[in-house]
Amino acid sequence: MEAHSTIQKRELIDWISSIEDEVILNKIVTIKRETTFNFEEEFKKGISVDDFKERTTKYLKSLPWKE
């Protein structure tokens, strides 16, 4: 398992080294800076089930369905 992890890390290093797009590099830096993930805090930022249902229904009704 450890060898597989080492291979994945090497592949990521090679891939990152080849990136020239500044937008992608900035996204990678942002990910790197995220040191912790607080599920409880992120959950508070989410939407309720009712809100999700309402948004989904509204979106589906807005699609140009063929009859």
PDB file of N, CA and C in Angstrom:
ATOM      1  N   MET A   1       0.821  -1.184   0.000  1.00  0.00           N
ATOM      2  CA  MET A   1       0.000   0.000   0.000  1.00  0.00           C
ATOM      3  C   MET A   1       0.873   1.259   0.000  1.00  0.00           C
ATOM      4  N   GLU A   2       1.958   1.201   0.742  1.00  0.00           N
ATOM      5  CA  GLU A   2       2.837   2.353   0.849  1.00  0.00           C
ATOM      6  C   GLU A   2       3.480   2.698  -0.490  1.00  0.00           C
ATOM      7  N   ALA A   3       3.834   1.688  -1.267  1.00  0.00           N
ATOM      8  CA  ALA A   3       4.433   1.921  -2.581  1.00  0.00           C
ATOM      9  C   ALA A   3       3.444   2.612  -3.502  1.00  0.00           C
ATOM     10  N   HIS A   4       2.175   2.214  -3.413  1.00  0.00           N
ATOM     11  CA  HIS A   4       1.133   2.837  -4.237  1.00  0.00           C
ATOM     12  C   HIS A   4       1.004   4.319  -3.891  1.00  0.00           C
ATOM     13  N   SER A   5       1.049   4.622  -2.612  1.00  0.00           N
ATOM     14  CA  SER A   5       0.960   6.007  -2.148  1.00  0.00           C
ATOM     15  C   SER A   5       2.143   6.828  -2.667  1.00  0.00           C
ATOM     16  N   THR A   6       3.310   6.236  -2.641  1.00  0.00           N
ATOM     17  CA  THR A   6       4.511   6.917  -3.136  1.00  0.00           C
ATOM     18  C   THR A   6       4.393   7.198  -4.630  1.00  0.00           C
ATOM     19  N   ILE A   7       3.850   6.250  -5.370  1.00  0.00           N
ATOM     20  CA  ILE A   7       3.660   6.425  -6.808  1.00  0.00           C
ATOM     21  C   ILE A   7       2.664   7.546  -7.075  1.00  0.00           C
ATOM     22  N   GLN A   8       1.566   7.568  -6.308  1.00  0.00           N
ATOM     23  CA  GLN A   8       0.571   8.628  -6.477  1.00  0.00           C
ATOM     24  C   GLN A   8       1.181   9.999  -6.197  1.00  0.00           C
ATOM     25  N   LYS A   9       1.970  10.093  -5.159  1.00  0.00           N
ATOM     26  CA  LYS A   9       2.610  11.371  -4.820  1.00  0.00           C
ATOM     27  C   LYS A   9       3.546  11.811  -5.941  1.00  0.00           C
ATOM     28  N   ARG A  10       4.312  10.882  -6.472  1.00  0.00           N
ATOM     29  CA  ARG A  10       5.243  11.204  -7.557  1.00  0.00           C
ATOM     30  C   ARG A  10       4.479  11.689  -8.794  1.00  0.00           C
ATOM     31  N   GLU A  11       3.369  11.015  -9.098  1.00  0.00           N
ATOM     32  CA  GLU A  11       2.556  11.417 -10.251  1.00  0.00           C
ATOM     33  C   GLU A  11       1.982  12.820 -10.041  1.00  0.00           C
ATOM     34  N   LEU A  12       1.540  13.114  -8.826  1.00  0.00           N
ATOM     35  CA  LEU A  12       1.024  14.456  -8.536  1.00  0.00           C
ATOM     36  C   LEU A  12       2.116  15.512  -8.661  1.00  0.00           C
ATOM     37  N   ILE A  13       3.284  15.212  -8.154  1.00  0.00           N
ATOM     38  CA  ILE A  13       4.402  16.157  -8.255  1.00  0.00           C
ATOM     39  C   ILE A  13       4.729  16.429  -9.721  1.00  0.00           C
ATOM     40  N   ASP A  14       4.793  15.372 -10.513  1.00  0.00           N
ATOM     41  CA  ASP A  14       5.083  15.534 -11.941  1.00  0.00           C
ATOM     42  C   ASP A  14       4.004  16.360 -12.632  1.00  0.00           C
ATOM     43  N   TRP A  15       2.743  16.068 -12.304  1.00  0.00           N
ATOM     44  CA  TRP A  15       1.628  16.790 -12.921  1.00  0.00           C
ATOM     45  C   TRP A  15       1.658  18.269 -12.536  1.00  0.00           C
ATOM     46  N   ILE A  16       1.828  18.547 -11.251  1.00  0.00           N
ATOM     47  CA  ILE A  16       1.859  19.939 -10.786  1.00  0.00           C
ATOM     48  C   ILE A  16       3.026  20.680 -11.424  1.00  0.00           C
ATOM     49  N   SER A  17       4.154  20.016 -11.560  1.00  0.00           N
ATOM     50  CA  SER A  17       5.335  20.644 -12.178  1.00  0.00           C
ATOM     51  C   SER A  17       5.083  21.036 -13.628  1.00  0.00           C
ATOM     52  N   SER A  18       4.171  20.331 -14.292  1.00  0.00           N
ATOM     53  CA  SER A  18       3.919  20.604 -15.706  1.00  0.00           C
ATOM     54  C   SER A  18       2.830  21.666 -15.937  1.00  0.00           C
ATOM     55  N   ILE A  19       2.135  22.072 -14.887  1.00  0.00           N
ATOM     56  CA  ILE A  19       1.026  23.024 -15.024  1.00  0.00           C
ATOM     57  C   ILE A  19       1.567  24.429 -15.272  1.00  0.00           C
ATOM     58  N   GLU A  20       0.995  25.092 -16.263  1.00  0.00           N
ATOM     59  CA  GLU A  20       1.380  26.464 -16.558  1.00  0.00           C
ATOM     60  C   GLU A  20       0.213  27.426 -16.396  1.00  0.00           C
ATOM     61  N   ASP A  21      -0.992  26.917 -16.282  1.00  0.00           N
ATOM     62  CA  ASP A  21      -2.187  27.743 -16.145  1.00  0.00           C
ATOM     63  C   ASP A  21      -2.257  28.326 -14.729  1.00  0.00           C
ATOM     64  N   GLU A  22      -2.216  29.645 -14.625  1.00  0.00           N
ATOM     65  CA  GLU A  22      -2.214  30.322 -13.325  1.00  0.00           C
ATOM     66  C   GLU A  22      -3.479  30.055 -12.517  1.00  0.00           C
ATOM     67  N   VAL A  23      -4.612  29.934 -13.202  1.00  0.00           N
ATOM     68  CA  VAL A  23      -5.874  29.684 -12.502  1.00  0.00           C
ATOM     69  C   VAL A  23      -5.811  28.332 -11.785  1.00  0.00           C
ATOM     70  N   ILE A  24      -5.338  27.331 -12.481  1.00  0.00           N
ATOM     71  CA  ILE A  24      -5.231  26.002 -11.877  1.00  0.00           C
ATOM     72  C   ILE A  24      -4.213  26.011 -10.745  1.00  0.00           C
ATOM     73  N   LEU A  25      -3.089  26.669 -10.947  1.00  0.00           N
ATOM     74  CA  LEU A  25      -2.083  26.750  -9.886  1.00  0.00           C
ATOM     75  C   LEU A  25      -2.641  27.437  -8.643  1.00  0.00           C
ATOM     76  N   ASN A  26      -3.407  28.498  -8.845  1.00  0.00           N
ATOM     77  CA  ASN A  26      -4.007  29.195  -7.696  1.00  0.00           C
ATOM     78  C   ASN A  26      -5.000  28.295  -6.957  1.00  0.00           C
ATOM     79  N   LYS A  27      -5.741  27.485  -7.703  1.00  0.00           N
ATOM     80  CA  LYS A  27      -6.673  26.554  -7.060  1.00  0.00           C
ATOM     81  C   LYS A  27      -5.915  25.528  -6.231  1.00  0.00           C
ATOM     82  N   ILE A  28      -4.805  25.043  -6.750  1.00  0.00           N
ATOM     83  CA  ILE A  28      -3.997  24.073  -6.020  1.00  0.00           C
ATOM     84  C   ILE A  28      -3.441  24.703  -4.741  1.00  0.00           C
ATOM     85  N   VAL A  29      -2.992  25.936  -4.836  1.00  0.00           N
ATOM     86  CA  VAL A  29      -2.479  26.635  -3.655  1.00  0.00           C
ATOM     87  C   VAL A  29      -3.589  26.795  -2.619  1.00  0.00           C
ATOM     88  N   THR A  30      -4.790  27.104  -3.068  1.00  0.00           N
ATOM     89  CA  THR A  30      -5.926  27.240  -2.154  1.00  0.00           C
ATOM     90  C   THR A  30      -6.189  25.919  -1.429  1.00  0.00           C
ATOM     91  N   ILE A  31      -6.166  24.826  -2.147  1.00  0.00           N
ATOM     92  CA  ILE A  31      -6.359  23.508  -1.541  1.00  0.00           C
ATOM     93  C   ILE A  31      -5.262  23.240  -0.521  1.00  0.00           C
ATOM     94  N   LYS A  32      -4.043  23.578  -0.864  1.00  0.00           N
ATOM     95  CA  LYS A  32      -2.909  23.359   0.044  1.00  0.00           C
ATOM     96  C   LYS A  32      -3.082  24.133   1.344  1.00  0.00           C
ATOM     97  N   ARG A  33      -3.623  25.331   1.251  1.00  0.00           N
ATOM     98  CA  ARG A  33      -3.788  26.183   2.437  1.00  0.00           C
ATOM     99  C   ARG A  33      -4.908  25.708   3.359  1.00  0.00           C
ATOM    100  N   GLU A  34      -5.811  24.910   2.835  1.00  0.00           N
ATOM    101  CA  GLU A  34      -6.894  24.384   3.663  1.00  0.00           C
ATOM    102  C   GLU A  34      -6.318  23.289   4.544  1.00  0.00           C
ATOM    103  N   THR A  35      -6.018  23.641   5.769  1.00  0.00           N
ATOM    104  CA  THR A  35      -5.345  22.683   6.652  1.00  0.00           C
ATOM    105  C   THR A  35      -6.321  21.768   7.376  1.00  0.00           C
ATOM    106  N   THR A  36      -7.532  22.245   7.598  1.00  0.00           N
ATOM    107  CA  THR A  36      -8.503  21.404   8.292  1.00  0.00           C
ATOM    108  C   THR A  36      -9.855  21.528   7.610  1.00  0.00           C
ATOM    109  N   PHE A  37     -10.664  20.548   7.836  1.00  0.00           N
ATOM    110  CA  PHE A  37     -12.025  20.574   7.326  1.00  0.00           C
ATOM    111  C   PHE A  37     -12.941  20.347   8.510  1.00  0.00           C
ATOM    112  N   ASN A  38     -13.750  21.345   8.815  1.00  0.00           N
ATOM    113  CA  ASN A  38     -14.665  21.243   9.936  1.00  0.00           C
ATOM    114  C   ASN A  38     -16.050  20.927   9.393  1.00  0.00           C
ATOM    115  N   PHE A  39     -16.438  19.658   9.490  1.00  0.00           N
ATOM    116  CA  PHE A  39     -17.708  19.224   8.930  1.00  0.00           C
ATOM    117  C   PHE A  39     -18.872  19.995   9.528  1.00  0.00           C
ATOM    118  N   GLU A  40     -18.851  20.209  10.838  1.00  0.00           N
ATOM    119  CA  GLU A  40     -19.960  20.901  11.501  1.00  0.00           C
ATOM    120  C   GLU A  40     -20.132  22.319  10.947  1.00  0.00           C
ATOM    121  N   GLU A  41     -19.048  23.040  10.763  1.00  0.00           N
ATOM    122  CA  GLU A  41     -19.122  24.404  10.226  1.00  0.00           C
ATOM    123  C   GLU A  41     -19.598  24.403   8.777  1.00  0.00           C
ATOM    124  N   GLU A  42     -19.084  23.488   7.983  1.00  0.00           N
ATOM    125  CA  GLU A  42     -19.491  23.408   6.581  1.00  0.00           C
ATOM    126  C   GLU A  42     -20.958  22.998   6.473  1.00  0.00           C
ATOM    127  N   PHE A  43     -21.402  22.127   7.356  1.00  0.00           N
ATOM    128  CA  PHE A  43     -22.790  21.683   7.358  1.00  0.00           C
ATOM    129  C   PHE A  43     -23.730  22.851   7.625  1.00  0.00           C
ATOM    130  N   LYS A  44     -23.316  23.763   8.497  1.00  0.00           N
ATOM    131  CA  LYS A  44     -24.131  24.943   8.818  1.00  0.00           C
ATOM    132  C   LYS A  44     -24.318  25.839   7.589  1.00  0.00           C
ATOM    133  N   LYS A  45     -23.360  25.807   6.676  1.00  0.00           N
ATOM    134  CA  LYS A  45     -23.421  26.639   5.474  1.00  0.00           C
ATOM    135  C   LYS A  45     -24.326  26.026   4.399  1.00  0.00           C
ATOM    136  N   GLY A  46     -24.717  24.785   4.588  1.00  0.00           N
ATOM    137  CA  GLY A  46     -25.515  24.066   3.593  1.00  0.00           C
ATOM    138  C   GLY A  46     -26.950  24.561   3.551  1.00  0.00           C
ATOM    139  N   ILE A  47     -27.713  23.979   2.637  1.00  0.00           N
ATOM    140  CA  ILE A  47     -29.125  24.345   2.508  1.00  0.00           C
ATOM    141  C   ILE A  47     -29.985  23.231   3.100  1.00  0.00           C
ATOM    142  N   SER A  48     -31.175  23.588   3.492  1.00  0.00           N
ATOM    143  CA  SER A  48     -32.087  22.606   4.079  1.00  0.00           C
ATOM    144  C   SER A  48     -32.647  21.691   2.985  1.00  0.00           C
ATOM    145  N   VAL A  49     -33.205  20.588   3.414  1.00  0.00           N
ATOM    146  CA  VAL A  49     -33.816  19.642   2.478  1.00  0.00           C
ATOM    147  C   VAL A  49     -34.963  20.321   1.730  1.00  0.00           C
ATOM    148  N   ASP A  50     -35.760  21.096   2.450  1.00  0.00           N
ATOM    149  CA  ASP A  50     -36.890  21.786   1.810  1.00  0.00           C
ATOM    150  C   ASP A  50     -36.409  22.795   0.772  1.00  0.00           C
ATOM    151  N   ASP A  51     -35.359  23.548   1.111  1.00  0.00           N
ATOM    152  CA  ASP A  51     -34.804  24.516   0.174  1.00  0.00           C
ATOM    153  C   ASP A  51     -34.246  23.804  -1.061  1.00  0.00           C
ATOM    154  N   PHE A  52     -33.557  22.682  -0.829  1.00  0.00           N
ATOM    155  CA  PHE A  52     -33.024  21.901  -1.947  1.00  0.00           C
ATOM    156  C   PHE A  52     -34.143  21.422  -2.859  1.00  0.00           C
ATOM    157  N   LYS A  53     -35.196  20.907  -2.260  1.00  0.00           N
ATOM    158  CA  LYS A  53     -36.340  20.412  -3.040  1.00  0.00           C
ATOM    159  C   LYS A  53     -36.958  21.543  -3.852  1.00  0.00           C
ATOM    160  N   GLU A  54     -37.125  22.705  -3.218  1.00  0.00           N
ATOM    161  CA  GLU A  54     -37.712  23.857  -3.904  1.00  0.00           C
ATOM    162  C   GLU A  54     -36.841  24.310  -5.073  1.00  0.00           C
ATOM    163  N   ARG A  55     -35.534  24.397  -4.839  1.00  0.00           N
ATOM    164  CA  ARG A  55     -34.624  24.823  -5.905  1.00  0.00           C
ATOM    165  C   ARG A  55     -34.599  23.817  -7.055  1.00  0.00           C
ATOM    166  N   THR A  56     -34.591  22.548  -6.709  1.00  0.00           N
ATOM    167  CA  THR A  56     -34.554  21.506  -7.736  1.00  0.00           C
ATOM    168  C   THR A  56     -35.824  21.525  -8.573  1.00  0.00           C
ATOM    169  N   THR A  57     -36.959  21.642  -7.910  1.00  0.00           N
ATOM    170  CA  THR A  57     -38.236  21.699  -8.624  1.00  0.00           C
ATOM    171  C   THR A  57     -38.277  22.901  -9.562  1.00  0.00           C
ATOM    172  N   LYS A  58     -37.850  24.050  -9.052  1.00  0.00           N
ATOM    173  CA  LYS A  58     -37.837  25.274  -9.860  1.00  0.00           C
ATOM    174  C   LYS A  58     -36.927  25.094 -11.076  1.00  0.00           C
ATOM    175  N   TYR A  59     -35.751  24.503 -10.861  1.00  0.00           N
ATOM    176  CA  TYR A  59     -34.821  24.292 -11.960  1.00  0.00           C
ATOM    177  C   TYR A  59     -35.408  23.340 -13.007  1.00  0.00           C
ATOM    178  N   LEU A  60     -35.959  22.225 -12.539  1.00  0.00           N
ATOM    179  CA  LEU A  60     -36.521  21.254 -13.479  1.00  0.00           C
ATOM    180  C   LEU A  60     -37.662  21.848 -14.295  1.00  0.00           C
ATOM    181  N   LYS A  61     -38.479  22.687 -13.672  1.00  0.00           N
ATOM    182  CA  LYS A  61     -39.578  23.325 -14.397  1.00  0.00           C
ATOM    183  C   LYS A  61     -39.075  24.345 -15.408  1.00  0.00           C
ATOM    184  N   SER A  62     -37.866  24.866 -15.190  1.00  0.00           N
ATOM    185  CA  SER A  62     -37.320  25.867 -16.111  1.00  0.00           C
ATOM    186  C   SER A  62     -36.683  25.238 -17.361  1.00  0.00           C
ATOM    187  N   LEU A  63     -36.492  23.930 -17.356  1.00  0.00           N
ATOM    188  CA  LEU A  63     -35.854  23.270 -18.511  1.00  0.00           C
ATOM    189  C   LEU A  63     -36.823  23.189 -19.684  1.00  0.00           C
ATOM    190  N   PRO A  64     -36.269  23.319 -20.892  1.00  0.00           N
ATOM    191  CA  PRO A  64     -37.133  23.271 -22.082  1.00  0.00           C
ATOM    192  C   PRO A  64     -37.468  21.834 -22.476  1.00  0.00           C
ATOM    193  N   TRP A  65     -38.387  21.238 -21.762  1.00  0.00           N
ATOM    194  CA  TRP A  65     -38.764  19.846 -22.027  1.00  0.00           C
ATOM    195  C   TRP A  65     -39.529  19.753 -23.354  1.00  0.00           C
ATOM    196  N   LYS A  66     -39.241  18.684 -24.070  1.00  0.00           N
ATOM    197  CA  LYS A  66     -39.968  18.412 -25.308  1.00  0.00           C
ATOM    198  C   LYS A  66     -41.151  17.532 -24.953  1.00  0.00           C
ATOM    199  N   GLU A  67     -42.301  17.892 -25.487  1.00  0.00           N
ATOM    200  CA  GLU A  67     -43.504  17.106 -25.186  1.00  0.00           C
ATOM    201  C   GLU A  67     -43.906  16.276 -26.370  1.00  0.00           C
TER     202      GLU A  67
END
